[in-house]
Amino acid sequence: MSYTIAITGKGGVGKTTVASLVVLRLAASGRCPILAVDADPNTCLDAALGVQVEHTVGGVREEARILAGEGKVTGVAKQELLKLKITKSLVESDDFDLIAMGRPEGPGCYCFANHALRETLREIADDYPYVVIDNEAGLENLSRRIVRELDLMIMVADPSRQGLETVRRLYGLAREMKIKVKKLALVINRLRRNGLPAGAAQLQEDTGASWVVALPDDEELTRVSEEGGRLQDLPASNRVVAGIDRLLTDAGVPSAGRTRRR
């Protein structure tokens, strides 16, 4: 059974950076292999992780739909073709593999493709002790039940009052959707002064989050991002990296031996 971590929040708060560092710090601590899932249509997790996506699940869905429309595959063959193509869209690295959702398919109902996608991801996830999902803004992906339940949900906010209120609304949506979450952590990102912003303690109480993690607006991280550097090159002493390490330790993310990958 995989240990599943999902990162969510509104757009522009640094979800992908947090997701990338979670993947990289899990790997650095020997907790691998990891399946990284880029569930944002605007695929960018690959660049943050220093790899390159060539095929997305969205593209695979469309290709399978076209083949089915031409009568080249039917029934079980169509499902197996889709699963095979999705599996081959994996980007493989030493400690993690990445699969990217890409943009959603065009107009029309593709219920079969969505169902096959969920089932395929579940099959793939079983081969990894850790799964990290970088979601699009909001909870749309999680509402589609891409995964059965989450061991850890990380909600990322900026330190503004609006940022905190957005997380509060997302938490309310998660409850309405009955998303199963074992542990919840709040990450207040890009802080420019010491201490948590006003309202953070109340937000933790209202959401029942086990942790509130403050990550600074770090010049070293900003420089790496602006210069197209690799997050892998940030030292463990970096304040943001150290914050992610503390979160994973406090959350009790288990250690696991390597699992056979496809």
C-alpha atoms as a PDB file:
ATOM      1  CA  MET A   1       0.000   0.000   0.000  1.00  0.00           C
ATOM      2  CA  SER A   2       1.467   3.347  -1.028  1.00  0.00           C
ATOM      3  CA  TYR A   3       1.900   6.270   1.338  1.00  0.00           C
ATOM      4  CA  THR A   4       0.137   9.079  -0.528  1.00  0.00           C
ATOM      5  CA  ILE A   5       0.822  12.794  -0.140  1.00  0.00           C
ATOM      6  CA  ALA A   6      -1.194  15.447  -2.005  1.00  0.00           C
ATOM      7  CA  ILE A   7      -0.266  19.128  -2.267  1.00  0.00           C
ATOM      8  CA  THR A   8      -3.001  21.646  -3.001  1.00  0.00           C
ATOM      9  CA  GLY A   9      -3.809  25.343  -2.703  1.00  0.00           C
ATOM     10  CA  LYS A  10      -4.728  28.291  -4.887  1.00  0.00           C
ATOM     11  CA  GLY A  11      -2.689  29.151  -7.956  1.00  0.00           C
ATOM     12  CA  GLY A  12       0.621  30.951  -7.540  1.00  0.00           C
ATOM     13  CA  VAL A  13       1.344  30.044  -3.915  1.00  0.00           C
ATOM     14  CA  GLY A  14       4.236  27.700  -4.700  1.00  0.00           C
ATOM     15  CA  LYS A  15       2.478  24.316  -4.735  1.00  0.00           C
ATOM     16  CA  THR A  16       4.766  22.877  -7.395  1.00  0.00           C
ATOM     17  CA  THR A  17       7.923  23.988  -5.586  1.00  0.00           C
ATOM     18  CA  VAL A  18       6.649  22.400  -2.366  1.00  0.00           C
ATOM     19  CA  ALA A  19       5.647  19.226  -4.219  1.00  0.00           C
ATOM     20  CA  SER A  20       9.055  19.025  -5.891  1.00  0.00           C
ATOM     21  CA  LEU A  21      10.900  19.455  -2.616  1.00  0.00           C
ATOM     22  CA  VAL A  22       8.725  16.797  -0.977  1.00  0.00           C
ATOM     23  CA  VAL A  23       9.705  14.359  -3.749  1.00  0.00           C
ATOM     24  CA  LEU A  24      13.382  15.288  -3.582  1.00  0.00           C
ATOM     25  CA  ARG A  25      13.626  15.193   0.211  1.00  0.00           C
ATOM     26  CA  LEU A  26      11.860  11.829   0.374  1.00  0.00           C
ATOM     27  CA  ALA A  27      14.450  10.562  -2.090  1.00  0.00           C
ATOM     28  CA  ALA A  28      17.338  12.164  -0.190  1.00  0.00           C
ATOM     29  CA  SER A  29      16.261  10.361   2.979  1.00  0.00           C
ATOM     30  CA  GLY A  30      16.136   7.010   1.177  1.00  0.00           C
ATOM     31  CA  ARG A  31      12.323   6.850   1.037  1.00  0.00           C
ATOM     32  CA  CYS A  32      11.976   5.778  -2.558  1.00  0.00           C
ATOM     33  CA  PRO A  33      11.076   4.976  -5.265  1.00  0.00           C
ATOM     34  CA  ILE A  34       8.438   7.681  -5.517  1.00  0.00           C
ATOM     35  CA  LEU A  35       5.684   8.137  -8.064  1.00  0.00           C
ATOM     36  CA  ALA A  36       5.339  11.878  -8.720  1.00  0.00           C
ATOM     37  CA  VAL A  37       1.978  12.778 -10.286  1.00  0.00           C
ATOM     38  CA  ASP A  38       1.606  16.140 -12.009  1.00  0.00           C
ATOM     39  CA  ALA A  39      -2.152  16.583 -11.847  1.00  0.00           C
ATOM     40  CA  ASP A  40      -2.075  20.190 -13.046  1.00  0.00           C
ATOM     41  CA  PRO A  41      -3.056  20.647 -16.722  1.00  0.00           C
ATOM     42  CA  ASN A  42      -0.303  23.261 -16.968  1.00  0.00           C
ATOM     43  CA  THR A  43       2.457  20.696 -16.652  1.00  0.00           C
ATOM     44  CA  CYS A  44       5.497  22.116 -14.845  1.00  0.00           C
ATOM     45  CA  LEU A  45       6.479  19.587 -12.176  1.00  0.00           C
ATOM     46  CA  ASP A  46       8.910  17.967 -14.593  1.00  0.00           C
ATOM     47  CA  ALA A  47      10.958  21.145 -14.968  1.00  0.00           C
ATOM     48  CA  ALA A  48      11.054  21.629 -11.203  1.00  0.00           C
ATOM     49  CA  LEU A  49      12.313  18.063 -10.783  1.00  0.00           C
ATOM     50  CA  GLY A  50      14.894  18.372 -13.542  1.00  0.00           C
ATOM     51  CA  VAL A  51      13.299  15.908 -15.986  1.00  0.00           C
ATOM     52  CA  GLN A  52      11.259  16.325 -19.166  1.00  0.00           C
ATOM     53  CA  VAL A  53       7.780  15.017 -19.960  1.00  0.00           C
ATOM     54  CA  GLU A  54       7.271  13.962 -23.570  1.00  0.00           C
ATOM     55  CA  HIS A  55       3.838  12.323 -23.322  1.00  0.00           C
ATOM     56  CA  THR A  56       0.986  13.294 -21.016  1.00  0.00           C
ATOM     57  CA  VAL A  57      -2.005  11.257 -19.946  1.00  0.00           C
ATOM     58  CA  GLY A  58      -4.268  13.849 -21.586  1.00  0.00           C
ATOM     59  CA  GLY A  59      -2.547  13.209 -24.910  1.00  0.00           C
ATOM     60  CA  VAL A  60      -2.793   9.457 -24.421  1.00  0.00           C
ATOM     61  CA  ARG A  61      -6.533   9.711 -23.768  1.00  0.00           C
ATOM     62  CA  GLU A  62      -7.031  11.648 -26.984  1.00  0.00           C
ATOM     63  CA  GLU A  63      -4.941   9.196 -28.996  1.00  0.00           C
ATOM     64  CA  ALA A  64      -6.916   6.233 -27.655  1.00  0.00           C
ATOM     65  CA  ARG A  65     -10.183   8.043 -28.404  1.00  0.00           C
ATOM     66  CA  ILE A  66      -9.140   8.667 -32.015  1.00  0.00           C
ATOM     67  CA  LEU A  67      -8.105   5.036 -32.520  1.00  0.00           C
ATOM     68  CA  ALA A  68     -11.404   3.857 -31.063  1.00  0.00           C
ATOM     69  CA  GLY A  69     -13.311   6.260 -33.318  1.00  0.00           C
ATOM     70  CA  GLU A  70     -11.538   4.791 -36.331  1.00  0.00           C
ATOM     71  CA  GLY A  71     -12.590   1.312 -35.262  1.00  0.00           C
ATOM     72  CA  LYS A  72      -9.011   0.141 -34.755  1.00  0.00           C
ATOM     73  CA  VAL A  73      -9.586  -0.989 -31.165  1.00  0.00           C
ATOM     74  CA  THR A  74     -12.722  -2.019 -29.296  1.00  0.00           C
ATOM     75  CA  GLY A  75     -13.765  -3.304 -25.889  1.00  0.00           C
ATOM     76  CA  VAL A  76     -11.038  -4.823 -23.748  1.00  0.00           C
ATOM     77  CA  ALA A  77      -8.408  -4.048 -26.368  1.00  0.00           C
ATOM     78  CA  LYS A  78      -9.129  -0.335 -26.024  1.00  0.00           C
ATOM     79  CA  GLN A  79      -8.734  -0.456 -22.253  1.00  0.00           C
ATOM     80  CA  GLU A  80      -5.479  -2.411 -22.450  1.00  0.00           C
ATOM     81  CA  LEU A  81      -4.115  -0.038 -25.108  1.00  0.00           C
ATOM     82  CA  LEU A  82      -4.865   2.957 -22.924  1.00  0.00           C
ATOM     83  CA  LYS A  83      -3.230   1.373 -19.888  1.00  0.00           C
ATOM     84  CA  LEU A  84      -0.160   0.427 -21.902  1.00  0.00           C
ATOM     85  CA  LYS A  85       0.250   3.915 -23.327  1.00  0.00           C
ATOM     86  CA  ILE A  86      -0.214   5.572 -19.946  1.00  0.00           C
ATOM     87  CA  THR A  87       2.404   3.285 -18.419  1.00  0.00           C
ATOM     88  CA  LYS A  88       4.820   4.112 -21.235  1.00  0.00           C
ATOM     89  CA  SER A  89       4.287   7.833 -20.605  1.00  0.00           C
ATOM     90  CA  LEU A  90       6.182   7.506 -17.325  1.00  0.00           C
ATOM     91  CA  VAL A  91       9.358   9.578 -17.077  1.00  0.00           C
ATOM     92  CA  GLU A  92      11.856   7.426 -15.191  1.00  0.00           C
ATOM     93  CA  SER A  93      14.558   8.692 -12.861  1.00  0.00           C
ATOM     94  CA  ASP A  94      16.834   6.947 -10.372  1.00  0.00           C
ATOM     95  CA  ASP A  95      14.699   7.587  -7.286  1.00  0.00           C
ATOM     96  CA  PHE A  96      11.362   8.703  -8.715  1.00  0.00           C
ATOM     97  CA  ASP A  97       9.159   8.329 -11.751  1.00  0.00           C
ATOM     98  CA  LEU A  98       6.857  11.057 -13.023  1.00  0.00           C
ATOM     99  CA  ILE A  99       3.520  10.867 -14.778  1.00  0.00           C
ATOM    100  CA  ALA A 100       1.825  14.043 -16.008  1.00  0.00           C
ATOM    101  CA  MET A 101      -1.896  14.478 -16.534  1.00  0.00           C
ATOM    102  CA  GLY A 102      -1.569  17.209 -19.149  1.00  0.00           C
ATOM    103  CA  ARG A 103      -4.539  19.129 -20.456  1.00  0.00           C
ATOM    104  CA  PRO A 104      -7.986  17.570 -20.343  1.00  0.00           C
ATOM    105  CA  GLU A 105      -9.424  16.028 -23.471  1.00  0.00           C
ATOM    106  CA  GLY A 106     -11.612  17.981 -25.880  1.00  0.00           C
ATOM    107  CA  PRO A 107     -15.394  18.368 -25.793  1.00  0.00           C
ATOM    108  CA  GLY A 108     -17.551  15.319 -25.275  1.00  0.00           C
ATOM    109  CA  CYS A 109     -17.952  12.595 -22.675  1.00  0.00           C
ATOM    110  CA  TYR A 110     -14.942  10.358 -22.155  1.00  0.00           C
ATOM    111  CA  CYS A 111     -16.149   8.498 -19.085  1.00  0.00           C
ATOM    112  CA  PHE A 112     -14.409   5.302 -20.182  1.00  0.00           C
ATOM    113  CA  ALA A 113     -11.050   7.048 -20.532  1.00  0.00           C
ATOM    114  CA  ASN A 114     -11.355   8.717 -17.122  1.00  0.00           C
ATOM    115  CA  HIS A 115     -12.263   5.413 -15.494  1.00  0.00           C
ATOM    116  CA  ALA A 116      -9.377   3.618 -17.197  1.00  0.00           C
ATOM    117  CA  LEU A 117      -7.029   6.412 -16.123  1.00  0.00           C
ATOM    118  CA  ARG A 118      -7.992   6.088 -12.471  1.00  0.00           C
ATOM    119  CA  GLU A 119      -7.621   2.330 -12.572  1.00  0.00           C
ATOM    120  CA  THR A 120      -4.268   2.526 -14.326  1.00  0.00           C
ATOM    121  CA  LEU A 121      -2.897   5.029 -11.817  1.00  0.00           C
ATOM    122  CA  ARG A 122      -4.002   2.762  -9.019  1.00  0.00           C
ATOM    123  CA  GLU A 123      -2.176  -0.130 -10.610  1.00  0.00           C
ATOM    124  CA  ILE A 124       0.964   1.943 -11.114  1.00  0.00           C
ATOM    125  CA  ALA A 125       0.841   3.343  -7.575  1.00  0.00           C
ATOM    126  CA  ASP A 126       0.873  -0.151  -6.099  1.00  0.00           C
ATOM    127  CA  ASP A 127       4.463  -0.523  -7.339  1.00  0.00           C
ATOM    128  CA  TYR A 128       5.677   2.515  -5.376  1.00  0.00           C
ATOM    129  CA  PRO A 129       5.890   2.899  -1.600  1.00  0.00           C
ATOM    130  CA  TYR A 130       5.348   6.666  -1.977  1.00  0.00           C
ATOM    131  CA  VAL A 131       3.072   8.741  -4.216  1.00  0.00           C
ATOM    132  CA  VAL A 132       3.237  12.544  -4.312  1.00  0.00           C
ATOM    133  CA  ILE A 133       0.469  14.403  -6.185  1.00  0.00           C
ATOM    134  CA  ASP A 134       0.893  18.006  -7.305  1.00  0.00           C
ATOM    135  CA  ASN A 135      -2.703  19.134  -7.826  1.00  0.00           C
ATOM    136  CA  GLU A 136      -4.139  21.870  -9.959  1.00  0.00           C
ATOM    137  CA  ALA A 137      -5.513  24.856  -8.057  1.00  0.00           C
ATOM    138  CA  GLY A 138      -8.356  23.690  -5.848  1.00  0.00           C
ATOM    139  CA  LEU A 139      -9.498  20.120  -5.305  1.00  0.00           C
ATOM    140  CA  GLU A 140     -10.817  19.141  -8.737  1.00  0.00           C
ATOM    141  CA  ASN A 141      -8.473  16.183  -9.190  1.00  0.00           C
ATOM    142  CA  LEU A 142      -9.109  14.812  -5.729  1.00  0.00           C
ATOM    143  CA  SER A 143     -12.877  15.116  -6.216  1.00  0.00           C
ATOM    144  CA  ARG A 144     -12.563  12.731  -9.173  1.00  0.00           C
ATOM    145  CA  ARG A 145     -11.261  10.121  -6.734  1.00  0.00           C
ATOM    146  CA  ILE A 146      -7.955   9.670  -8.548  1.00  0.00           C
ATOM    147  CA  VAL A 147      -6.710   8.096  -5.323  1.00  0.00           C
ATOM    148  CA  ARG A 148      -8.679   6.220  -2.680  1.00  0.00           C
ATOM    149  CA  GLU A 149      -7.431   8.176   0.326  1.00  0.00           C
ATOM    150  CA  LEU A 150      -4.599  10.449   1.415  1.00  0.00           C
ATOM    151  CA  ASP A 151      -2.128   9.742   4.179  1.00  0.00           C
ATOM    152  CA  LEU A 152      -1.056  13.384   4.208  1.00  0.00           C
ATOM    153  CA  MET A 153      -2.626  16.450   2.615  1.00  0.00           C
ATOM    154  CA  ILE A 154      -0.476  19.578   2.461  1.00  0.00           C
ATOM    155  CA  MET A 155      -2.441  22.781   1.887  1.00  0.00           C
ATOM    156  CA  VAL A 156      -0.214  25.645   0.744  1.00  0.00           C
ATOM    157  CA  ALA A 157      -1.092  29.301   1.304  1.00  0.00           C
ATOM    158  CA  ASP A 158       0.650  32.638   0.981  1.00  0.00           C
ATOM    159  CA  PRO A 159       0.748  34.721   4.178  1.00  0.00           C
ATOM    160  CA  SER A 160      -1.991  37.147   3.121  1.00  0.00           C
ATOM    161  CA  ARG A 161      -5.401  37.162   4.755  1.00  0.00           C
ATOM    162  CA  GLN A 162      -6.923  36.139   1.428  1.00  0.00           C
ATOM    163  CA  GLY A 163      -4.446  33.279   1.169  1.00  0.00           C
ATOM    164  CA  LEU A 164      -5.447  31.916   4.567  1.00  0.00           C
ATOM    165  CA  GLU A 165      -9.147  32.281   3.777  1.00  0.00           C
ATOM    166  CA  THR A 166      -8.661  30.359   0.517  1.00  0.00           C
ATOM    167  CA  VAL A 167      -7.210  27.433   2.466  1.00  0.00           C
ATOM    168  CA  ARG A 168     -10.164  27.601   4.846  1.00  0.00           C
ATOM    169  CA  ARG A 169     -12.555  27.328   1.877  1.00  0.00           C
ATOM    170  CA  LEU A 170     -10.564  24.463   0.365  1.00  0.00           C
ATOM    171  CA  TYR A 171     -10.737  22.626   3.651  1.00  0.00           C
ATOM    172  CA  GLY A 172     -14.499  23.093   3.676  1.00  0.00           C
ATOM    173  CA  LEU A 173     -14.712  21.710   0.144  1.00  0.00           C
ATOM    174  CA  ALA A 174     -12.594  18.707   1.117  1.00  0.00           C
ATOM    175  CA  ARG A 175     -15.078  17.923   3.906  1.00  0.00           C
ATOM    176  CA  GLU A 176     -18.047  18.328   1.557  1.00  0.00           C
ATOM    177  CA  MET A 177     -16.414  15.973  -0.951  1.00  0.00           C
ATOM    178  CA  LYS A 178     -15.698  13.524   1.883  1.00  0.00           C
ATOM    179  CA  ILE A 179     -12.072  13.211   0.807  1.00  0.00           C
ATOM    180  CA  LYS A 180     -10.411  10.776   3.199  1.00  0.00           C
ATOM    181  CA  VAL A 181      -7.390  12.446   4.781  1.00  0.00           C
ATOM    182  CA  LYS A 182      -5.472  10.869   7.657  1.00  0.00           C
ATOM    183  CA  LYS A 183      -3.253  13.882   8.419  1.00  0.00           C
ATOM    184  CA  LEU A 184      -3.401  17.529   7.396  1.00  0.00           C
ATOM    185  CA  ALA A 185      -0.556  20.048   7.315  1.00  0.00           C
ATOM    186  CA  LEU A 186      -0.761  23.750   6.482  1.00  0.00           C
ATOM    187  CA  VAL A 187       2.222  25.381   4.783  1.00  0.00           C
ATOM    188  CA  ILE A 188       2.436  29.173   4.915  1.00  0.00           C
ATOM    189  CA  ASN A 189       4.827  29.929   2.080  1.00  0.00           C
ATOM    190  CA  ARG A 190       7.060  32.907   1.236  1.00  0.00           C
ATOM    191  CA  LEU A 191       7.023  34.566   4.645  1.00  0.00           C
ATOM    192  CA  ARG A 192       9.043  37.796   4.685  1.00  0.00           C
ATOM    193  CA  ARG A 193       9.194  38.210   8.463  1.00  0.00           C
ATOM    194  CA  ASN A 194       9.565  35.992  11.485  1.00  0.00           C
ATOM    195  CA  GLY A 195       6.513  34.381  12.996  1.00  0.00           C
ATOM    196  CA  LEU A 196       3.275  33.129  11.529  1.00  0.00           C
ATOM    197  CA  PRO A 197       0.771  35.655  10.148  1.00  0.00           C
ATOM    198  CA  ALA A 198      -2.252  36.705  12.148  1.00  0.00           C
ATOM    199  CA  GLY A 199      -5.008  34.169  11.699  1.00  0.00           C
ATOM    200  CA  ALA A 200      -2.730  31.144  11.221  1.00  0.00           C
ATOM    201  CA  ALA A 201      -3.404  29.758  14.706  1.00  0.00           C
ATOM    202  CA  GLN A 202      -7.163  30.127  14.244  1.00  0.00           C
ATOM    203  CA  LEU A 203      -6.944  28.460  10.834  1.00  0.00           C
ATOM    204  CA  GLN A 204      -5.119  25.517  12.375  1.00  0.00           C
ATOM    205  CA  GLU A 205      -7.809  25.187  15.028  1.00  0.00           C
ATOM    206  CA  ASP A 206     -10.636  25.448  12.495  1.00  0.00           C
ATOM    207  CA  THR A 207      -9.148  22.849  10.155  1.00  0.00           C
ATOM    208  CA  GLY A 208      -7.757  20.508  12.773  1.00  0.00           C
ATOM    209  CA  ALA A 209      -4.393  20.559  11.013  1.00  0.00           C
ATOM    210  CA  SER A 210      -1.673  18.729  12.903  1.00  0.00           C
ATOM    211  CA  TRP A 211       1.022  21.168  11.794  1.00  0.00           C
ATOM    212  CA  VAL A 212       1.462  24.703  10.515  1.00  0.00           C
ATOM    213  CA  VAL A 213       4.799  25.041   8.733  1.00  0.00           C
ATOM    214  CA  ALA A 214       6.319  28.438   7.955  1.00  0.00           C
ATOM    215  CA  LEU A 215       8.542  28.597   4.860  1.00  0.00           C
ATOM    216  CA  PRO A 216      10.492  31.831   4.271  1.00  0.00           C
ATOM    217  CA  ASP A 217      10.729  33.868   1.098  1.00  0.00           C
ATOM    218  CA  ASP A 218      14.208  32.471   0.461  1.00  0.00           C
ATOM    219  CA  GLU A 219      16.707  34.300  -1.769  1.00  0.00           C
ATOM    220  CA  GLU A 220      18.670  31.145  -2.557  1.00  0.00           C
ATOM    221  CA  LEU A 221      15.566  29.312  -3.740  1.00  0.00           C
ATOM    222  CA  THR A 222      14.436  32.335  -5.743  1.00  0.00           C
ATOM    223  CA  ARG A 223      17.820  32.589  -7.456  1.00  0.00           C
ATOM    224  CA  VAL A 224      17.805  28.901  -8.399  1.00  0.00           C
ATOM    225  CA  SER A 225      14.296  29.243  -9.850  1.00  0.00           C
ATOM    226  CA  GLU A 226      15.060  32.418 -11.795  1.00  0.00           C
ATOM    227  CA  GLU A 227      18.316  31.067 -13.220  1.00  0.00           C
ATOM    228  CA  GLY A 228      16.803  27.747 -14.256  1.00  0.00           C
ATOM    229  CA  GLY A 229      18.874  25.803 -11.741  1.00  0.00           C
ATOM    230  CA  ARG A 230      18.002  22.488 -10.137  1.00  0.00           C
ATOM    231  CA  LEU A 231      16.203  22.237  -6.833  1.00  0.00           C
ATOM    232  CA  GLN A 232      18.317  19.124  -6.245  1.00  0.00           C
ATOM    233  CA  ASP A 233      21.323  21.426  -5.831  1.00  0.00           C
ATOM    234  CA  LEU A 234      19.876  23.262  -2.832  1.00  0.00           C
ATOM    235  CA  PRO A 235      21.752  22.214   0.319  1.00  0.00           C
ATOM    236  CA  ALA A 236      20.002  20.506   3.220  1.00  0.00           C
ATOM    237  CA  SER A 237      20.821  23.609   5.268  1.00  0.00           C
ATOM    238  CA  ASN A 238      18.616  25.801   3.057  1.00  0.00           C
ATOM    239  CA  ARG A 239      15.768  27.159   5.189  1.00  0.00           C
ATOM    240  CA  VAL A 240      12.997  25.976   2.876  1.00  0.00           C
ATOM    241  CA  VAL A 241      14.562  22.542   2.403  1.00  0.00           C
ATOM    242  CA  ALA A 242      15.009  22.214   6.175  1.00  0.00           C
ATOM    243  CA  GLY A 243      11.350  23.148   6.660  1.00  0.00           C
ATOM    244  CA  ILE A 244      10.212  20.408   4.294  1.00  0.00           C
ATOM    245  CA  ASP A 245      12.478  17.914   6.099  1.00  0.00           C
ATOM    246  CA  ARG A 246      10.928  18.846   9.450  1.00  0.00           C
ATOM    247  CA  LEU A 247       7.434  18.459   8.049  1.00  0.00           C
ATOM    248  CA  LEU A 248       8.134  14.974   6.683  1.00  0.00           C
ATOM    249  CA  THR A 249       9.737  13.956   9.981  1.00  0.00           C
ATOM    250  CA  ASP A 250       6.930  15.377  12.130  1.00  0.00           C
ATOM    251  CA  ALA A 251       4.306  13.769   9.898  1.00  0.00           C
ATOM    252  CA  GLY A 252       5.920  10.401  10.522  1.00  0.00           C
ATOM    253  CA  VAL A 253       6.309   9.464   6.871  1.00  0.00           C
ATOM    254  CA  PRO A 254       7.482   5.849   7.181  1.00  0.00           C
ATOM    255  CA  SER A 255      10.634   4.319   5.814  1.00  0.00           C
ATOM    256  CA  ALA A 256      10.274   1.531   3.285  1.00  0.00           C
ATOM    257  CA  GLY A 257      12.449  -0.756   1.210  1.00  0.00           C
ATOM    258  CA  ARG A 258      12.465  -0.531  -2.534  1.00  0.00           C
ATOM    259  CA  THR A 259       9.430  -1.898  -4.298  1.00  0.00           C
ATOM    260  CA  ARG A 260       9.594  -3.487  -7.719  1.00  0.00           C
ATOM    261  CA  ARG A 261       8.743  -1.015 -10.477  1.00  0.00           C
ATOM    262  CA  ARG A 262       7.279  -1.809 -13.882  1.00  0.00           C
END
